[in-house]
PDB file of N, CA and C in Angstrom:
ATOM      1  N   MET A   1     -80.367-191.150 -31.299  1.00  0.00           N
ATOM      2  CA  MET A   1     -79.890-191.864 -30.147  1.00  0.00           C
ATOM      3  C   MET A   1     -78.494-191.382 -29.770  1.00  0.00           C
ATOM      4  N   ILE A   2     -77.662-191.149 -30.773  1.00  0.00           N
ATOM      5  CA  ILE A   2     -76.300-190.691 -30.525  1.00  0.00           C
ATOM      6  C   ILE A   2     -76.316-189.299 -29.903  1.00  0.00           C
ATOM      7  N   VAL A   3     -77.227-188.453 -30.375  1.00  0.00           N
ATOM      8  CA  VAL A   3     -77.319-187.085 -29.851  1.00  0.00           C
ATOM      9  C   VAL A   3     -77.681-187.120 -28.366  1.00  0.00           C
ATOM     10  N   PHE A   4     -78.669-187.922 -27.995  1.00  0.00           N
ATOM     11  CA  PHE A   4     -79.057-188.010 -26.582  1.00  0.00           C
ATOM     12  C   PHE A   4     -77.932-188.616 -25.733  1.00  0.00           C
ATOM     13  N   GLY A   5     -77.207-189.561 -26.300  1.00  0.00           N
ATOM     14  CA  GLY A   5     -76.051-190.104 -25.586  1.00  0.00           C
ATOM     15  C   GLY A   5     -74.992-189.050 -25.355  1.00  0.00           C
ATOM     16  N   LEU A   6     -74.751-188.208 -26.372  1.00  0.00           N
ATOM     17  CA  LEU A   6     -73.776-187.135 -26.243  1.00  0.00           C
ATOM     18  C   LEU A   6     -74.241-186.091 -25.220  1.00  0.00           C
ATOM     19  N   VAL A   7     -75.524-185.751 -25.260  1.00  0.00           N
ATOM     20  CA  VAL A   7     -76.071-184.801 -24.285  1.00  0.00           C
ATOM     21  C   VAL A   7     -75.955-185.372 -22.871  1.00  0.00           C
ATOM     22  N   GLY A   8     -76.280-186.648 -22.702  1.00  0.00           N
ATOM     23  CA  GLY A   8     -76.164-187.296 -21.398  1.00  0.00           C
ATOM     24  C   GLY A   8     -74.729-187.314 -20.904  1.00  0.00           C
ATOM     25  N   TYR A   9     -73.794-187.596 -21.796  1.00  0.00           N
ATOM     26  CA  TYR A   9     -72.382-187.603 -21.416  1.00  0.00           C
ATOM     27  C   TYR A   9     -71.935-186.212 -20.977  1.00  0.00           C
ATOM     28  N   LEU A  10     -72.306-185.187 -21.754  1.00  0.00           N
ATOM     29  CA  LEU A  10     -71.918-183.817 -21.401  1.00  0.00           C
ATOM     30  C   LEU A  10     -72.540-183.377 -20.087  1.00  0.00           C
ATOM     31  N   MET A  11     -73.792-183.757 -19.861  1.00  0.00           N
ATOM     32  CA  MET A  11     -74.446-183.402 -18.605  1.00  0.00           C
ATOM     33  C   MET A  11     -73.740-184.062 -17.420  1.00  0.00           C
ATOM     34  N   LYS A  12     -73.349-185.306 -17.593  1.00  0.00           N
ATOM     35  CA  LYS A  12     -72.645-186.003 -16.512  1.00  0.00           C
ATOM     36  C   LYS A  12     -71.257-185.396 -16.300  1.00  0.00           C
ATOM     37  N   LYS A  13     -70.568-185.071 -17.383  1.00  0.00           N
ATOM     38  CA  LYS A  13     -69.234-184.491 -17.302  1.00  0.00           C
ATOM     39  C   LYS A  13     -69.261-183.106 -16.650  1.00  0.00           C
ATOM     40  N   LEU A  14     -70.311-182.310 -16.947  1.00  0.00           N
ATOM     41  CA  LEU A  14     -70.426-180.960 -16.395  1.00  0.00           C
ATOM     42  C   LEU A  14     -71.207-180.928 -15.091  1.00  0.00           C
ATOM     43  N   ASP A  15     -71.546-182.113 -14.560  1.00  0.00           N
ATOM     44  CA  ASP A  15     -72.222-182.259 -13.268  1.00  0.00           C
ATOM     45  C   ASP A  15     -73.609-181.599 -13.241  1.00  0.00           C
ATOM     46  N   TYR A  16     -74.389-181.841 -14.305  1.00  0.00           N
ATOM     47  CA  TYR A  16     -75.777-181.382 -14.357  1.00  0.00           C
ATOM     48  C   TYR A  16     -76.700-182.550 -14.046  1.00  0.00           C
ATOM     49  N   GLU A  17     -77.833-182.244 -13.433  1.00  0.00           N
ATOM     50  CA  GLU A  17     -78.822-183.276 -13.148  1.00  0.00           C
ATOM     51  C   GLU A  17     -79.659-183.532 -14.405  1.00  0.00           C
ATOM     52  N   PRO A  18     -79.896-184.786 -14.773  1.00  0.00           N
ATOM     53  CA  PRO A  18     -80.694-185.074 -15.971  1.00  0.00           C
ATOM     54  C   PRO A  18     -82.209-184.993 -15.741  1.00  0.00           C
ATOM     55  N   VAL A  19     -82.644-184.996 -14.493  1.00  0.00           N
ATOM     56  CA  VAL A  19     -84.079-185.032 -14.190  1.00  0.00           C
ATOM     57  C   VAL A  19     -84.826-183.817 -14.744  1.00  0.00           C
ATOM     58  N   PRO A  20     -84.331-182.574 -14.589  1.00  0.00           N
ATOM     59  CA  PRO A  20     -85.069-181.440 -15.162  1.00  0.00           C
ATOM     60  C   PRO A  20     -85.221-181.525 -16.682  1.00  0.00           C
ATOM     61  N   LEU A  21     -84.219-182.059 -17.353  1.00  0.00           N
ATOM     62  CA  LEU A  21     -84.318-182.211 -18.805  1.00  0.00           C
ATOM     63  C   LEU A  21     -85.400-183.219 -19.178  1.00  0.00           C
ATOM     64  N   VAL A  22     -85.476-184.307 -18.443  1.00  0.00           N
ATOM     65  CA  VAL A  22     -86.519-185.315 -18.702  1.00  0.00           C
ATOM     66  C   VAL A  22     -87.899-184.719 -18.430  1.00  0.00           C
ATOM     67  N   PHE A  23     -88.041-183.967 -17.324  1.00  0.00           N
ATOM     68  CA  PHE A  23     -89.311-183.298 -17.037  1.00  0.00           C
ATOM     69  C   PHE A  23     -89.691-182.335 -18.156  1.00  0.00           C
ATOM     70  N   ALA A  24     -88.710-181.611 -18.677  1.00  0.00           N
ATOM     71  CA  ALA A  24     -88.994-180.664 -19.753  1.00  0.00           C
ATOM     72  C   ALA A  24     -89.516-181.386 -20.994  1.00  0.00           C
ATOM     73  N   PHE A  25     -88.923-182.520 -21.326  1.00  0.00           N
ATOM     74  CA  PHE A  25     -89.398-183.272 -22.483  1.00  0.00           C
ATOM     75  C   PHE A  25     -90.791-183.839 -22.252  1.00  0.00           C
ATOM     76  N   VAL A  26     -91.051-184.318 -21.058  1.00  0.00           N
ATOM     77  CA  VAL A  26     -92.346-184.939 -20.773  1.00  0.00           C
ATOM     78  C   VAL A  26     -93.454-183.897 -20.638  1.00  0.00           C
ATOM     79  N   LEU A  27     -93.186-182.816 -19.912  1.00  0.00           N
ATOM     80  CA  LEU A  27     -94.228-181.838 -19.615  1.00  0.00           C
ATOM     81  C   LEU A  27     -94.261-180.645 -20.561  1.00  0.00           C
ATOM     82  N   GLY A  28     -93.247-180.502 -21.401  1.00  0.00           N
ATOM     83  CA  GLY A  28     -93.144-179.323 -22.269  1.00  0.00           C
ATOM     84  C   GLY A  28     -94.306-179.142 -23.215  1.00  0.00           C
ATOM     85  N   SER A  29     -94.708-180.195 -23.907  1.00  0.00           N
ATOM     86  CA  SER A  29     -95.798-180.070 -24.875  1.00  0.00           C
ATOM     87  C   SER A  29     -97.128-179.795 -24.172  1.00  0.00           C
ATOM     88  N   MET A  30     -97.327-180.400 -23.017  1.00  0.00           N
ATOM     89  CA  MET A  30     -98.544-180.162 -22.255  1.00  0.00           C
ATOM     90  C   MET A  30     -98.602-178.705 -21.775  1.00  0.00           C
ATOM     91  N   LEU A  31     -97.476-178.205 -21.302  1.00  0.00           N
ATOM     92  CA  LEU A  31     -97.398-176.821 -20.842  1.00  0.00           C
ATOM     93  C   LEU A  31     -97.655-175.850 -21.994  1.00  0.00           C
ATOM     94  N   GLU A  32     -97.090-176.128 -23.155  1.00  0.00           N
ATOM     95  CA  GLU A  32     -97.299-175.266 -24.317  1.00  0.00           C
ATOM     96  C   GLU A  32     -98.772-175.243 -24.720  1.00  0.00           C
ATOM     97  N   PHE A  33     -99.412-176.400 -24.711  1.00  0.00           N
ATOM     98  CA  PHE A  33    -100.829-176.466 -25.069  1.00  0.00           C
ATOM     99  C   PHE A  33    -101.679-175.656 -24.096  1.00  0.00           C
ATOM    100  N   LYS A  34    -101.418-175.800 -22.802  1.00  0.00           N
ATOM    101  CA  LYS A  34    -102.187-175.057 -21.796  1.00  0.00           C
ATOM    102  C   LYS A  34    -101.920-173.556 -21.882  1.00  0.00           C
ATOM    103  N   PHE A  35    -100.677-173.175 -22.209  1.00  0.00           N
ATOM    104  CA  PHE A  35    -100.363-171.760 -22.367  1.00  0.00           C
ATOM    105  C   PHE A  35    -101.131-171.169 -23.550  1.00  0.00           C
ATOM    106  N   ARG A  36    -101.171-171.887 -24.659  1.00  0.00           N
ATOM    107  CA  ARG A  36    -101.949-171.410 -25.824  1.00  0.00           C
ATOM    108  C   ARG A  36    -103.430-171.310 -25.494  1.00  0.00           C
ATOM    109  N   GLN A  37    -103.929-172.257 -24.745  1.00  0.00           N
ATOM    110  CA  GLN A  37    -105.330-172.243 -24.340  1.00  0.00           C
ATOM    111  C   GLN A  37    -105.617-171.021 -23.462  1.00  0.00           C
ATOM    112  N   THR A  38    -104.733-170.727 -22.539  1.00  0.00           N
ATOM    113  CA  THR A  38    -104.896-169.566 -21.670  1.00  0.00           C
ATOM    114  C   THR A  38    -104.816-168.270 -22.462  1.00  0.00           C
ATOM    115  N   MET A  39    -103.908-168.206 -23.409  1.00  0.00           N
ATOM    116  CA  MET A  39    -103.788-167.002 -24.229  1.00  0.00           C
ATOM    117  C   MET A  39    -105.047-166.786 -25.073  1.00  0.00           C
ATOM    118  N   ALA A  40    -105.675-167.856 -25.527  1.00  0.00           N
ATOM    119  CA  ALA A  40    -106.924-167.724 -26.274  1.00  0.00           C
ATOM    120  C   ALA A  40    -108.032-167.189 -25.366  1.00  0.00           C
ATOM    121  N   ILE A  41    -108.088-167.666 -24.137  1.00  0.00           N
ATOM    122  CA  ILE A  41    -109.100-167.196 -23.190  1.00  0.00           C
ATOM    123  C   ILE A  41    -108.860-165.738 -22.835  1.00  0.00           C
ATOM    124  N   ALA A  42    -107.590-165.349 -22.694  1.00  0.00           N
ATOM    125  CA  ALA A  42    -107.229-163.997 -22.256  1.00  0.00           C
ATOM    126  C   ALA A  42    -107.075-163.028 -23.416  1.00  0.00           C
ATOM    127  N   SER A  43    -107.469-163.415 -24.617  1.00  0.00           N
ATOM    128  CA  SER A  43    -107.344-162.574 -25.814  1.00  0.00           C
ATOM    129  C   SER A  43    -105.895-162.140 -26.045  1.00  0.00           C
ATOM    130  N   HIS A  44    -104.971-163.038 -25.862  1.00  0.00           N
ATOM    131  CA  HIS A  44    -103.538-162.825 -26.098  1.00  0.00           C
ATOM    132  C   HIS A  44    -102.976-161.660 -25.293  1.00  0.00           C
ATOM    133  N   ASN A  45    -103.426-161.532 -24.051  1.00  0.00           N
ATOM    134  CA  ASN A  45    -102.989-160.466 -23.173  1.00  0.00           C
ATOM    135  C   ASN A  45    -102.205-161.084 -22.016  1.00  0.00           C
ATOM    136  N   LEU A  46    -100.892-160.811 -21.959  1.00  0.00           N
ATOM    137  CA  LEU A  46    -100.043-161.412 -20.916  1.00  0.00           C
ATOM    138  C   LEU A  46    -100.331-160.873 -19.524  1.00  0.00           C
ATOM    139  N   SER A  47    -100.962-159.708 -19.432  1.00  0.00           N
ATOM    140  CA  SER A  47    -101.278-159.159 -18.107  1.00  0.00           C
ATOM    141  C   SER A  47    -102.320-160.019 -17.387  1.00  0.00           C
ATOM    142  N   PHE A  48    -102.929-160.926 -18.088  1.00  0.00           N
ATOM    143  CA  PHE A  48    -103.873-161.880 -17.503  1.00  0.00           C
ATOM    144  C   PHE A  48    -103.212-162.648 -16.361  1.00  0.00           C
ATOM    145  N   PHE A  49    -101.910-162.952 -16.502  1.00  0.00           N
ATOM    146  CA  PHE A  49    -101.194-163.700 -15.473  1.00  0.00           C
ATOM    147  C   PHE A  49    -100.940-162.858 -14.225  1.00  0.00           C
ATOM    148  N   LEU A  50    -100.977-161.548 -14.363  1.00  0.00           N
ATOM    149  CA  LEU A  50    -100.724-160.674 -13.220  1.00  0.00           C
ATOM    150  C   LEU A  50    -101.996-160.272 -12.491  1.00  0.00           C
ATOM    151  N   THR A  51    -103.149-160.539 -13.073  1.00  0.00           N
ATOM    152  CA  THR A  51    -104.410-160.148 -12.444  1.00  0.00           C
ATOM    153  C   THR A  51    -105.103-161.301 -11.727  1.00  0.00           C
ATOM    154  N   ARG A  52    -104.657-162.514 -11.942  1.00  0.00           N
ATOM    155  CA  ARG A  52    -105.239-163.682 -11.289  1.00  0.00           C
ATOM    156  C   ARG A  52    -104.350-164.103 -10.126  1.00  0.00           C
ATOM    157  N   PRO A  53    -104.893-164.247  -8.914  1.00  0.00           N
ATOM    158  CA  PRO A  53    -104.054-164.551  -7.739  1.00  0.00           C
ATOM    159  C   PRO A  53    -103.282-165.863  -7.843  1.00  0.00           C
ATOM    160  N   VAL A  54    -103.883-166.901  -8.350  1.00  0.00           N
ATOM    161  CA  VAL A  54    -103.193-168.191  -8.434  1.00  0.00           C
ATOM    162  C   VAL A  54    -102.061-168.113  -9.455  1.00  0.00           C
ATOM    163  N   ALA A  55    -102.331-167.494 -10.603  1.00  0.00           N
ATOM    164  CA  ALA A  55    -101.297-167.353 -11.628  1.00  0.00           C
ATOM    165  C   ALA A  55    -100.159-166.466 -11.136  1.00  0.00           C
ATOM    166  N   LEU A  56    -100.494-165.403 -10.432  1.00  0.00           N
ATOM    167  CA  LEU A  56     -99.474-164.509  -9.893  1.00  0.00           C
ATOM    168  C   LEU A  56     -98.628-165.225  -8.843  1.00  0.00           C
ATOM    169  N   GLY A  57     -99.256-166.037  -8.015  1.00  0.00           N
ATOM    170  CA  GLY A  57     -98.517-166.806  -7.017  1.00  0.00           C
ATOM    171  C   GLY A  57     -97.571-167.807  -7.663  1.00  0.00           C
ATOM    172  N   ALA A  58     -98.052-168.529  -8.671  1.00  0.00           N
ATOM    173  CA  ALA A  58     -97.212-169.503  -9.367  1.00  0.00           C
ATOM    174  C   ALA A  58     -96.056-168.815 -10.081  1.00  0.00           C
ATOM    175  N   LEU A  59     -96.329-167.661 -10.691  1.00  0.00           N
ATOM    176  CA  LEU A  59     -95.285-166.903 -11.364  1.00  0.00           C
ATOM    177  C   LEU A  59     -94.249-166.397 -10.369  1.00  0.00           C
ATOM    178  N   SER A  60     -94.696-165.926  -9.222  1.00  0.00           N
ATOM    179  CA  SER A  60     -93.781-165.437  -8.185  1.00  0.00           C
ATOM    180  C   SER A  60     -92.898-166.561  -7.651  1.00  0.00           C
ATOM    181  N   ILE A  61     -93.472-167.706  -7.407  1.00  0.00           N
ATOM    182  CA  ILE A  61     -92.701-168.849  -6.915  1.00  0.00           C
ATOM    183  C   ILE A  61     -91.687-169.298  -7.958  1.00  0.00           C
ATOM    184  N   SER A  62     -92.083-169.314  -9.220  1.00  0.00           N
ATOM    185  CA  SER A  62     -91.161-169.701 -10.296  1.00  0.00           C
ATOM    186  C   SER A  62     -89.986-168.743 -10.384  1.00  0.00           C
ATOM    187  N   ILE A  63     -90.260-167.454 -10.322  1.00  0.00           N
ATOM    188  CA  ILE A  63     -89.193-166.453 -10.379  1.00  0.00           C
ATOM    189  C   ILE A  63     -88.267-166.601  -9.180  1.00  0.00           C
ATOM    190  N   PHE A  64     -88.830-166.829  -8.005  1.00  0.00           N
ATOM    191  CA  PHE A  64     -88.019-167.019  -6.800  1.00  0.00           C
ATOM    192  C   PHE A  64     -87.110-168.232  -6.936  1.00  0.00           C
ATOM    193  N   ILE A  65     -87.627-169.332  -7.464  1.00  0.00           N
ATOM    194  CA  ILE A  65     -86.826-170.547  -7.626  1.00  0.00           C
ATOM    195  C   ILE A  65     -85.674-170.312  -8.600  1.00  0.00           C
ATOM    196  N   ILE A  66     -85.954-169.623  -9.691  1.00  0.00           N
ATOM    197  CA  ILE A  66     -84.907-169.344 -10.677  1.00  0.00           C
ATOM    198  C   ILE A  66     -83.828-168.449 -10.070  1.00  0.00           C
ATOM    199  N   ILE A  67     -84.240-167.388  -9.385  1.00  0.00           N
ATOM    200  CA  ILE A  67     -83.276-166.466  -8.779  1.00  0.00           C
ATOM    201  C   ILE A  67     -82.471-167.162  -7.692  1.00  0.00           C
ATOM    202  N   SER A  68     -83.106-168.002  -6.885  1.00  0.00           N
ATOM    203  CA  SER A  68     -82.376-168.685  -5.819  1.00  0.00           C
ATOM    204  C   SER A  68     -81.344-169.659  -6.387  1.00  0.00           C
ATOM    205  N   GLY A  69     -81.631-170.257  -7.535  1.00  0.00           N
ATOM    206  CA  GLY A  69     -80.645-171.129  -8.177  1.00  0.00           C
ATOM    207  C   GLY A  69     -79.409-170.361  -8.608  1.00  0.00           C
ATOM    208  N   PHE A  70     -79.623-169.198  -9.213  1.00  0.00           N
ATOM    209  CA  PHE A  70     -78.488-168.359  -9.601  1.00  0.00           C
ATOM    210  C   PHE A  70     -77.767-167.811  -8.379  1.00  0.00           C
ATOM    211  N   TRP A  71     -78.517-167.474  -7.352  1.00  0.00           N
ATOM    212  CA  TRP A  71     -77.937-166.908  -6.133  1.00  0.00           C
ATOM    213  C   TRP A  71     -76.993-167.917  -5.472  1.00  0.00           C
ATOM    214  N   GLY A  72     -77.431-169.159  -5.358  1.00  0.00           N
ATOM    215  CA  GLY A  72     -76.582-170.190  -4.770  1.00  0.00           C
ATOM    216  C   GLY A  72     -75.327-170.429  -5.593  1.00  0.00           C
ATOM    217  N   HIS A  73     -75.471-170.433  -6.902  1.00  0.00           N
ATOM    218  CA  HIS A  73     -74.317-170.622  -7.783  1.00  0.00           C
ATOM    219  C   HIS A  73     -73.343-169.456  -7.636  1.00  0.00           C
ATOM    220  N   PHE A  74     -73.873-168.243  -7.524  1.00  0.00           N
ATOM    221  CA  PHE A  74     -73.038-167.060  -7.329  1.00  0.00           C
ATOM    222  C   PHE A  74     -72.215-167.173  -6.049  1.00  0.00           C
ATOM    223  N   TRP A  75     -72.848-167.596  -4.959  1.00  0.00           N
ATOM    224  CA  TRP A  75     -72.131-167.692  -3.677  1.00  0.00           C
ATOM    225  C   TRP A  75     -71.074-168.787  -3.707  1.00  0.00           C
ATOM    226  N   LYS A  76     -71.349-169.887  -4.425  1.00  0.00           N
ATOM    227  CA  LYS A  76     -70.339-170.939  -4.557  1.00  0.00           C
ATOM    228  C   LYS A  76     -69.122-170.420  -5.308  1.00  0.00           C
ATOM    229  N   LEU A  77     -69.360-169.699  -6.405  1.00  0.00           N
ATOM    230  CA  LEU A  77     -68.252-169.140  -7.173  1.00  0.00           C
ATOM    231  C   LEU A  77     -67.479-168.114  -6.355  1.00  0.00           C
ATOM    232  N   ARG A  78     -68.198-167.304  -5.581  1.00  0.00           N
ATOM    233  CA  ARG A  78     -67.548-166.292  -4.752  1.00  0.00           C
ATOM    234  C   ARG A  78     -66.670-166.954  -3.694  1.00  0.00           C
ATOM    235  N   LYS A  79     -67.200-168.001  -3.060  1.00  0.00           N
ATOM    236  CA  LYS A  79     -66.423-168.706  -2.035  1.00  0.00           C
ATOM    237  C   LYS A  79     -65.181-169.345  -2.656  1.00  0.00           C
ATOM    238  N   LYS A  80     -65.334-169.936  -3.828  1.00  0.00           N
ATOM    239  CA  LYS A  80     -64.197-170.557  -4.501  1.00  0.00           C
ATOM    240  C   LYS A  80     -63.143-169.504  -4.856  1.00  0.00           C
ATOM    241  N   ALA A  81     -63.582-168.319  -5.292  1.00  0.00           N
ATOM    242  CA  ALA A  81     -62.645-167.252  -5.641  1.00  0.00           C
ATOM    243  C   ALA A  81     -61.929-166.725  -4.405  1.00  0.00           C
ATOM    244  N   ILE A  82     -62.642-166.627  -3.289  1.00  0.00           N
ATOM    245  CA  ILE A  82     -62.010-166.162  -2.051  1.00  0.00           C
ATOM    246  C   ILE A  82     -61.012-167.199  -1.543  1.00  0.00           C
ATOM    247  N   ASP A  83     -61.391-168.479  -1.607  1.00  0.00           N
ATOM    248  CA  ASP A  83     -60.489-169.535  -1.150  1.00  0.00           C
ATOM    249  C   ASP A  83     -59.220-169.630  -1.989  1.00  0.00           C
ATOM    250  N   SER A  84     -59.336-169.343  -3.278  1.00  0.00           N
ATOM    251  CA  SER A  84     -58.156-169.432  -4.142  1.00  0.00           C
ATOM    252  C   SER A  84     -57.346-168.142  -4.152  1.00  0.00           C
ATOM    253  N   GLY A  85     -57.835-167.085  -3.485  1.00  0.00           N
ATOM    254  CA  GLY A  85     -57.077-165.844  -3.387  1.00  0.00           C
ATOM    255  C   GLY A  85     -57.353-164.855  -4.497  1.00  0.00           C
ATOM    256  N   ILE A  86     -58.286-165.140  -5.377  1.00  0.00           N
ATOM    257  CA  ILE A  86     -58.609-164.224  -6.467  1.00  0.00           C
ATOM    258  C   ILE A  86     -59.339-162.990  -5.924  1.00  0.00           C
ATOM    259  N   LEU A  87     -60.246-163.200  -4.972  1.00  0.00           N
ATOM    260  CA  LEU A  87     -60.996-162.106  -4.361  1.00  0.00           C
ATOM    261  C   LEU A  87     -60.557-161.917  -2.908  1.00  0.00           C
ATOM    262  N   ASP A  88     -60.613-160.676  -2.472  1.00  0.00           N
ATOM    263  CA  ASP A  88     -60.385-160.386  -1.061  1.00  0.00           C
ATOM    264  C   ASP A  88     -61.732-160.237  -0.392  1.00  0.00           C
ATOM    265  N   ASP A  89     -61.872-160.784   0.785  1.00  0.00           N
ATOM    266  CA  ASP A  89     -63.144-160.703   1.506  1.00  0.00           C
ATOM    267  C   ASP A  89     -63.307-159.402   2.229  1.00  0.00           C
TER     268      ASP A  89
END
């Protein structure tokens, strides 16, 4: 209980949203089970995800979401650096 309280405090202090962490705890075990099931069907071949259109679409969307999160953070840091005079535009 103390550990989760400390994690919650740090997340609030560092301005992180707690919802993704809760989703990870709730859906993580289910996702792991389905991934193992898929790997058994695909004979432990990861290229299975690249040959199925739905899996490829989901993988592409996931990669796009991750990259866009980093991209937005990068632009915020760049703007802050330009505003403070560290970077020249």
